[in-house]
Amino acid sequence: MAGMSRRARLVGRVLQHLDPKTRIPWHRVVNAKGEVSCSLSRNGGDIVQRRLLEKEGIEFDGKGRLDLERCRWRD
């Protein structure tokens, strides 16, 4: 949707550096496995992301994955 096919890492980096007051729903971007990507460089952002998704009613399975078929963005 951003017009940057095959640039997932770049998009992730940009989302990571957004102003905390942004209205862009960055928390809705998960990896191809349906997981919140975890990294020390996110400074707890992975925990915040999961909590925001759960607040929206997204459920995670025992492996920490959400159902991509049910939750995927539809054009």
PDB file of N, CA and C in Angstrom:
ATOM      1  N   MET A   1       0.813  -1.196   0.000  1.00  0.00           N
ATOM      2  CA  MET A   1       0.000   0.000   0.000  1.00  0.00           C
ATOM      3  C   MET A   1       0.859   1.264   0.000  1.00  0.00           C
ATOM      4  N   ALA A   2       2.057   1.169   0.531  1.00  0.00           N
ATOM      5  CA  ALA A   2       2.944   2.337   0.568  1.00  0.00           C
ATOM      6  C   ALA A   2       3.658   2.531  -0.764  1.00  0.00           C
ATOM      7  N   GLY A   3       3.448   1.592  -1.698  1.00  0.00           N
ATOM      8  CA  GLY A   3       4.123   1.692  -2.986  1.00  0.00           C
ATOM      9  C   GLY A   3       5.592   1.324  -2.907  1.00  0.00           C
ATOM     10  N   MET A   4       5.955   0.516  -1.925  1.00  0.00           N
ATOM     11  CA  MET A   4       7.348   0.140  -1.720  1.00  0.00           C
ATOM     12  C   MET A   4       7.453  -1.375  -1.634  1.00  0.00           C
ATOM     13  N   SER A   5       7.096  -2.031  -2.709  1.00  0.00           N
ATOM     14  CA  SER A   5       7.136  -3.488  -2.689  1.00  0.00           C
ATOM     15  C   SER A   5       8.548  -3.989  -2.399  1.00  0.00           C
ATOM     16  N   ARG A   6       8.618  -5.079  -1.652  1.00  0.00           N
ATOM     17  CA  ARG A   6       9.864  -5.731  -1.284  1.00  0.00           C
ATOM     18  C   ARG A   6      10.771  -4.844  -0.425  1.00  0.00           C
ATOM     19  N   ARG A   7      10.168  -3.954   0.323  1.00  0.00           N
ATOM     20  CA  ARG A   7      10.943  -3.064   1.196  1.00  0.00           C
ATOM     21  C   ARG A   7      10.409  -3.096   2.631  1.00  0.00           C
ATOM     22  N   ALA A   8      10.058  -4.279   3.106  1.00  0.00           N
ATOM     23  CA  ALA A   8       9.450  -4.419   4.427  1.00  0.00           C
ATOM     24  C   ALA A   8      10.345  -3.872   5.540  1.00  0.00           C
ATOM     25  N   ARG A   9      11.634  -4.123   5.454  1.00  0.00           N
ATOM     26  CA  ARG A   9      12.538  -3.637   6.511  1.00  0.00           C
ATOM     27  C   ARG A   9      12.590  -2.117   6.551  1.00  0.00           C
ATOM     28  N   LEU A  10      12.613  -1.498   5.385  1.00  0.00           N
ATOM     29  CA  LEU A  10      12.623  -0.043   5.320  1.00  0.00           C
ATOM     30  C   LEU A  10      11.339   0.521   5.911  1.00  0.00           C
ATOM     31  N   VAL A  11      10.213  -0.045   5.543  1.00  0.00           N
ATOM     32  CA  VAL A  11       8.936   0.414   6.086  1.00  0.00           C
ATOM     33  C   VAL A  11       8.927   0.244   7.603  1.00  0.00           C
ATOM     34  N   GLY A  12       9.414  -0.893   8.094  1.00  0.00           N
ATOM     35  CA  GLY A  12       9.487  -1.124   9.537  1.00  0.00           C
ATOM     36  C   GLY A  12      10.345  -0.094  10.238  1.00  0.00           C
ATOM     37  N   ARG A  13      11.467   0.254   9.639  1.00  0.00           N
ATOM     38  CA  ARG A  13      12.361   1.248  10.230  1.00  0.00           C
ATOM     39  C   ARG A  13      11.681   2.620  10.305  1.00  0.00           C
ATOM     40  N   VAL A  14      10.987   2.976   9.237  1.00  0.00           N
ATOM     41  CA  VAL A  14      10.278   4.260   9.217  1.00  0.00           C
ATOM     42  C   VAL A  14       9.198   4.279  10.297  1.00  0.00           C
ATOM     43  N   LEU A  15       8.427   3.207  10.408  1.00  0.00           N
ATOM     44  CA  LEU A  15       7.370   3.137  11.414  1.00  0.00           C
ATOM     45  C   LEU A  15       7.945   3.221  12.828  1.00  0.00           C
ATOM     46  N   GLN A  16       9.100   2.623  13.022  1.00  0.00           N
ATOM     47  CA  GLN A  16       9.739   2.627  14.342  1.00  0.00           C
ATOM     48  C   GLN A  16      10.125   4.042  14.781  1.00  0.00           C
ATOM     49  N   HIS A  17      10.394   4.919  13.829  1.00  0.00           N
ATOM     50  CA  HIS A  17      10.865   6.266  14.159  1.00  0.00           C
ATOM     51  C   HIS A  17       9.779   7.341  14.046  1.00  0.00           C
ATOM     52  N   LEU A  18       8.529   6.926  13.986  1.00  0.00           N
ATOM     53  CA  LEU A  18       7.447   7.901  13.923  1.00  0.00           C
ATOM     54  C   LEU A  18       7.356   8.677  15.232  1.00  0.00           C
ATOM     55  N   ASP A  19       6.887   9.882  15.133  1.00  0.00           N
ATOM     56  CA  ASP A  19       6.629  10.692  16.321  1.00  0.00           C
ATOM     57  C   ASP A  19       5.581   9.969  17.175  1.00  0.00           C
ATOM     58  N   PRO A  20       5.793   9.881  18.474  1.00  0.00           N
ATOM     59  CA  PRO A  20       4.836   9.182  19.351  1.00  0.00           C
ATOM     60  C   PRO A  20       3.405   9.728  19.266  1.00  0.00           C
ATOM     61  N   LYS A  21       3.246  10.960  18.834  1.00  0.00           N
ATOM     62  CA  LYS A  21       1.920  11.569  18.741  1.00  0.00           C
ATOM     63  C   LYS A  21       1.250  11.328  17.389  1.00  0.00           C
ATOM     64  N   THR A  22       1.875  10.548  16.525  1.00  0.00           N
ATOM     65  CA  THR A  22       1.330  10.325  15.188  1.00  0.00           C
ATOM     66  C   THR A  22      -0.022   9.618  15.246  1.00  0.00           C
ATOM     67  N   ARG A  23      -0.833   9.858  14.241  1.00  0.00           N
ATOM     68  CA  ARG A  23      -2.131   9.191  14.147  1.00  0.00           C
ATOM     69  C   ARG A  23      -2.073   8.005  13.183  1.00  0.00           C
ATOM     70  N   ILE A  24      -0.901   7.712  12.657  1.00  0.00           N
ATOM     71  CA  ILE A  24      -0.728   6.563  11.764  1.00  0.00           C
ATOM     72  C   ILE A  24      -0.831   5.295  12.606  1.00  0.00           C
ATOM     73  N   PRO A  25      -1.680   4.328  12.213  1.00  0.00           N
ATOM     74  CA  PRO A  25      -1.859   3.101  13.009  1.00  0.00           C
ATOM     75  C   PRO A  25      -0.714   2.109  12.814  1.00  0.00           C
ATOM     76  N   TRP A  26       0.477   2.487  13.207  1.00  0.00           N
ATOM     77  CA  TRP A  26       1.691   1.697  13.035  1.00  0.00           C
ATOM     78  C   TRP A  26       1.583   0.329  13.691  1.00  0.00           C
ATOM     79  N   HIS A  27       0.816   0.246  14.766  1.00  0.00           N
ATOM     80  CA  HIS A  27       0.716  -0.996  15.543  1.00  0.00           C
ATOM     81  C   HIS A  27       0.025  -2.116  14.763  1.00  0.00           C
ATOM     82  N   ARG A  28      -0.626  -1.783  13.665  1.00  0.00           N
ATOM     83  CA  ARG A  28      -1.330  -2.802  12.884  1.00  0.00           C
ATOM     84  C   ARG A  28      -0.426  -3.523  11.892  1.00  0.00           C
ATOM     85  N   VAL A  29       0.828  -3.141  11.830  1.00  0.00           N
ATOM     86  CA  VAL A  29       1.775  -3.779  10.914  1.00  0.00           C
ATOM     87  C   VAL A  29       2.507  -4.890  11.653  1.00  0.00           C
ATOM     88  N   VAL A  30       2.271  -6.131  11.223  1.00  0.00           N
ATOM     89  CA  VAL A  30       2.922  -7.299  11.825  1.00  0.00           C
ATOM     90  C   VAL A  30       3.730  -8.020  10.753  1.00  0.00           C
ATOM     91  N   ASN A  31       4.543  -8.975  11.165  1.00  0.00           N
ATOM     92  CA  ASN A  31       5.375  -9.674  10.183  1.00  0.00           C
ATOM     93  C   ASN A  31       4.571 -10.730   9.411  1.00  0.00           C
ATOM     94  N   ALA A  32       5.200 -11.360   8.458  1.00  0.00           N
ATOM     95  CA  ALA A  32       4.536 -12.312   7.567  1.00  0.00           C
ATOM     96  C   ALA A  32       4.019 -13.554   8.283  1.00  0.00           C
ATOM     97  N   LYS A  33       4.515 -13.802   9.492  1.00  0.00           N
ATOM     98  CA  LYS A  33       4.043 -14.953  10.271  1.00  0.00           C
ATOM     99  C   LYS A  33       2.832 -14.590  11.133  1.00  0.00           C
ATOM    100  N   GLY A  34       2.454 -13.308  11.131  1.00  0.00           N
ATOM    101  CA  GLY A  34       1.356 -12.864  11.977  1.00  0.00           C
ATOM    102  C   GLY A  34       1.803 -12.564  13.392  1.00  0.00           C
ATOM    103  N   GLU A  35       3.080 -12.272  13.549  1.00  0.00           N
ATOM    104  CA  GLU A  35       3.648 -11.997  14.867  1.00  0.00           C
ATOM    105  C   GLU A  35       4.047 -10.532  14.990  1.00  0.00           C
ATOM    106  N   VAL A  36       4.054 -10.051  16.203  1.00  0.00           N
ATOM    107  CA  VAL A  36       4.646  -8.760  16.495  1.00  0.00           C
ATOM    108  C   VAL A  36       6.154  -9.006  16.517  1.00  0.00           C
ATOM    109  N   SER A  37       6.890  -8.276  15.719  1.00  0.00           N
ATOM    110  CA  SER A  37       8.342  -8.458  15.686  1.00  0.00           C
ATOM    111  C   SER A  37       8.963  -7.918  16.960  1.00  0.00           C
ATOM    112  N   CYS A  38       9.774  -8.742  17.600  1.00  0.00           N
ATOM    113  CA  CYS A  38      10.414  -8.361  18.863  1.00  0.00           C
ATOM    114  C   CYS A  38      11.883  -8.039  18.626  1.00  0.00           C
ATOM    115  N   SER A  39      12.352  -6.994  19.282  1.00  0.00           N
ATOM    116  CA  SER A  39      13.745  -6.599  19.164  1.00  0.00           C
ATOM    117  C   SER A  39      14.093  -5.671  20.311  1.00  0.00           C
ATOM    118  N   LEU A  40      15.293  -5.780  20.821  1.00  0.00           N
ATOM    119  CA  LEU A  40      15.744  -4.872  21.875  1.00  0.00           C
ATOM    120  C   LEU A  40      15.737  -3.426  21.400  1.00  0.00           C
ATOM    121  N   SER A  41      15.953  -3.221  20.092  1.00  0.00           N
ATOM    122  CA  SER A  41      16.004  -1.860  19.558  1.00  0.00           C
ATOM    123  C   SER A  41      14.637  -1.173  19.579  1.00  0.00           C
ATOM    124  N   ARG A  42      13.569  -1.935  19.825  1.00  0.00           N
ATOM    125  CA  ARG A  42      12.230  -1.341  19.856  1.00  0.00           C
ATOM    126  C   ARG A  42      11.904  -0.736  21.217  1.00  0.00           C
ATOM    127  N   ASN A  43      12.793  -0.912  22.187  1.00  0.00           N
ATOM    128  CA  ASN A  43      12.636  -0.290  23.507  1.00  0.00           C
ATOM    129  C   ASN A  43      11.245  -0.489  24.108  1.00  0.00           C
ATOM    130  N   GLY A  44      10.736  -1.702  24.020  1.00  0.00           N
ATOM    131  CA  GLY A  44       9.420  -2.012  24.583  1.00  0.00           C
ATOM    132  C   GLY A  44       8.266  -1.759  23.635  1.00  0.00           C
ATOM    133  N   GLY A  45       8.559  -1.287  22.434  1.00  0.00           N
ATOM    134  CA  GLY A  45       7.508  -1.013  21.459  1.00  0.00           C
ATOM    135  C   GLY A  45       6.748  -2.263  21.054  1.00  0.00           C
ATOM    136  N   ASP A  46       7.399  -3.425  21.138  1.00  0.00           N
ATOM    137  CA  ASP A  46       6.732  -4.675  20.796  1.00  0.00           C
ATOM    138  C   ASP A  46       5.631  -4.989  21.804  1.00  0.00           C
ATOM    139  N   ILE A  47       5.881  -4.699  23.062  1.00  0.00           N
ATOM    140  CA  ILE A  47       4.868  -4.918  24.101  1.00  0.00           C
ATOM    141  C   ILE A  47       3.703  -3.947  23.903  1.00  0.00           C
ATOM    142  N   VAL A  48       4.018  -2.690  23.626  1.00  0.00           N
ATOM    143  CA  VAL A  48       2.995  -1.676  23.378  1.00  0.00           C
ATOM    144  C   VAL A  48       2.153  -2.088  22.175  1.00  0.00           C
ATOM    145  N   GLN A  49       2.816  -2.564  21.115  1.00  0.00           N
ATOM    146  CA  GLN A  49       2.109  -2.961  19.902  1.00  0.00           C
ATOM    147  C   GLN A  49       1.111  -4.080  20.192  1.00  0.00           C
ATOM    148  N   ARG A  50       1.547  -5.095  20.896  1.00  0.00           N
ATOM    149  CA  ARG A  50       0.643  -6.207  21.200  1.00  0.00           C
ATOM    150  C   ARG A  50      -0.536  -5.727  22.045  1.00  0.00           C
ATOM    151  N   ARG A  51      -0.286  -4.882  23.033  1.00  0.00           N
ATOM    152  CA  ARG A  51      -1.367  -4.375  23.879  1.00  0.00           C
ATOM    153  C   ARG A  51      -2.379  -3.560  23.078  1.00  0.00           C
ATOM    154  N   LEU A  52      -1.887  -2.742  22.131  1.00  0.00           N
ATOM    155  CA  LEU A  52      -2.797  -1.956  21.292  1.00  0.00           C
ATOM    156  C   LEU A  52      -3.654  -2.855  20.414  1.00  0.00           C
ATOM    157  N   LEU A  53      -3.046  -3.901  19.872  1.00  0.00           N
ATOM    158  CA  LEU A  53      -3.803  -4.846  19.046  1.00  0.00           C
ATOM    159  C   LEU A  53      -4.850  -5.574  19.884  1.00  0.00           C
ATOM    160  N   GLU A  54      -4.472  -6.012  21.066  1.00  0.00           N
ATOM    161  CA  GLU A  54      -5.421  -6.699  21.951  1.00  0.00           C
ATOM    162  C   GLU A  54      -6.562  -5.764  22.354  1.00  0.00           C
ATOM    163  N   LYS A  55      -6.244  -4.506  22.541  1.00  0.00           N
ATOM    164  CA  LYS A  55      -7.272  -3.518  22.879  1.00  0.00           C
ATOM    165  C   LYS A  55      -8.297  -3.383  21.753  1.00  0.00           C
ATOM    166  N   GLU A  56      -7.852  -3.625  20.508  1.00  0.00           N
ATOM    167  CA  GLU A  56      -8.747  -3.584  19.349  1.00  0.00           C
ATOM    168  C   GLU A  56      -9.485  -4.907  19.147  1.00  0.00           C
ATOM    169  N   GLY A  57      -9.243  -5.871  20.027  1.00  0.00           N
ATOM    170  CA  GLY A  57      -9.942  -7.144  19.927  1.00  0.00           C
ATOM    171  C   GLY A  57      -9.185  -8.235  19.192  1.00  0.00           C
ATOM    172  N   ILE A  58      -7.929  -7.989  18.844  1.00  0.00           N
ATOM    173  CA  ILE A  58      -7.124  -8.998  18.164  1.00  0.00           C
ATOM    174  C   ILE A  58      -6.675 -10.038  19.180  1.00  0.00           C
ATOM    175  N   GLU A  59      -6.867 -11.306  18.831  1.00  0.00           N
ATOM    176  CA  GLU A  59      -6.464 -12.397  19.717  1.00  0.00           C
ATOM    177  C   GLU A  59      -5.210 -13.071  19.167  1.00  0.00           C
ATOM    178  N   PHE A  60      -4.335 -13.466  20.080  1.00  0.00           N
ATOM    179  CA  PHE A  60      -3.106 -14.156  19.728  1.00  0.00           C
ATOM    180  C   PHE A  60      -3.203 -15.598  20.198  1.00  0.00           C
ATOM    181  N   ASP A  61      -2.600 -16.511  19.426  1.00  0.00           N
ATOM    182  CA  ASP A  61      -2.603 -17.914  19.829  1.00  0.00           C
ATOM    183  C   ASP A  61      -1.452 -18.174  20.804  1.00  0.00           C
ATOM    184  N   GLY A  62      -1.256 -19.428  21.169  1.00  0.00           N
ATOM    185  CA  GLY A  62      -0.220 -19.800  22.121  1.00  0.00           C
ATOM    186  C   GLY A  62       1.192 -19.508  21.653  1.00  0.00           C
ATOM    187  N   LYS A  63       1.376 -19.337  20.342  1.00  0.00           N
ATOM    188  CA  LYS A  63       2.696 -19.022  19.790  1.00  0.00           C
ATOM    189  C   LYS A  63       2.874 -17.524  19.576  1.00  0.00           C
ATOM    190  N   GLY A  64       1.902 -16.737  20.013  1.00  0.00           N
ATOM    191  CA  GLY A  64       2.003 -15.290  19.863  1.00  0.00           C
ATOM    192  C   GLY A  64       1.669 -14.800  18.474  1.00  0.00           C
ATOM    193  N   ARG A  65       0.866 -15.570  17.748  1.00  0.00           N
ATOM    194  CA  ARG A  65       0.500 -15.196  16.375  1.00  0.00           C
ATOM    195  C   ARG A  65      -0.983 -14.853  16.294  1.00  0.00           C
ATOM    196  N   LEU A  66      -1.289 -13.935  15.399  1.00  0.00           N
ATOM    197  CA  LEU A  66      -2.684 -13.621  15.127  1.00  0.00           C
ATOM    198  C   LEU A  66      -3.079 -14.290  13.811  1.00  0.00           C
ATOM    199  N   ASP A  67      -4.360 -14.446  13.592  1.00  0.00           N
ATOM    200  CA  ASP A  67      -4.869 -15.095  12.379  1.00  0.00           C
ATOM    201  C   ASP A  67      -4.833 -14.100  11.226  1.00  0.00           C
ATOM    202  N   LEU A  68      -3.835 -14.234  10.355  1.00  0.00           N
ATOM    203  CA  LEU A  68      -3.672 -13.289   9.251  1.00  0.00           C
ATOM    204  C   LEU A  68      -4.861 -13.307   8.296  1.00  0.00           C
ATOM    205  N   GLU A  69      -5.460 -14.451   8.077  1.00  0.00           N
ATOM    206  CA  GLU A  69      -6.601 -14.515   7.168  1.00  0.00           C
ATOM    207  C   GLU A  69      -7.771 -13.704   7.702  1.00  0.00           C
ATOM    208  N   ARG A  70      -7.957 -13.727   8.983  1.00  0.00           N
ATOM    209  CA  ARG A  70      -9.064 -13.000   9.604  1.00  0.00           C
ATOM    210  C   ARG A  70      -8.739 -11.509   9.765  1.00  0.00           C
ATOM    211  N   CYS A  71      -7.484 -11.189  10.008  1.00  0.00           N
ATOM    212  CA  CYS A  71      -7.087  -9.819  10.357  1.00  0.00           C
ATOM    213  C   CYS A  71      -6.465  -9.026   9.203  1.00  0.00           C
ATOM    214  N   ARG A  72      -6.199  -9.673   8.096  1.00  0.00           N
ATOM    215  CA  ARG A  72      -5.497  -9.020   6.979  1.00  0.00           C
ATOM    216  C   ARG A  72      -6.299  -7.852   6.418  1.00  0.00           C
ATOM    217  N   TRP A  73      -5.582  -6.829   5.980  1.00  0.00           N
ATOM    218  CA  TRP A  73      -6.204  -5.668   5.329  1.00  0.00           C
ATOM    219  C   TRP A  73      -6.761  -6.113   3.989  1.00  0.00           C
ATOM    220  N   ARG A  74      -7.961  -5.729   3.710  1.00  0.00           N
ATOM    221  CA  ARG A  74      -8.598  -6.044   2.428  1.00  0.00           C
ATOM    222  C   ARG A  74      -8.784  -4.764   1.634  1.00  0.00           C
ATOM    223  N   ASP A  75      -8.343  -4.771   0.412  1.00  0.00           N
ATOM    224  CA  ASP A  75      -8.470  -3.573  -0.451  1.00  0.00           C
ATOM    225  C   ASP A  75      -9.903  -3.284  -0.800  1.00  0.00           C
TER     226      ASP A  75
END
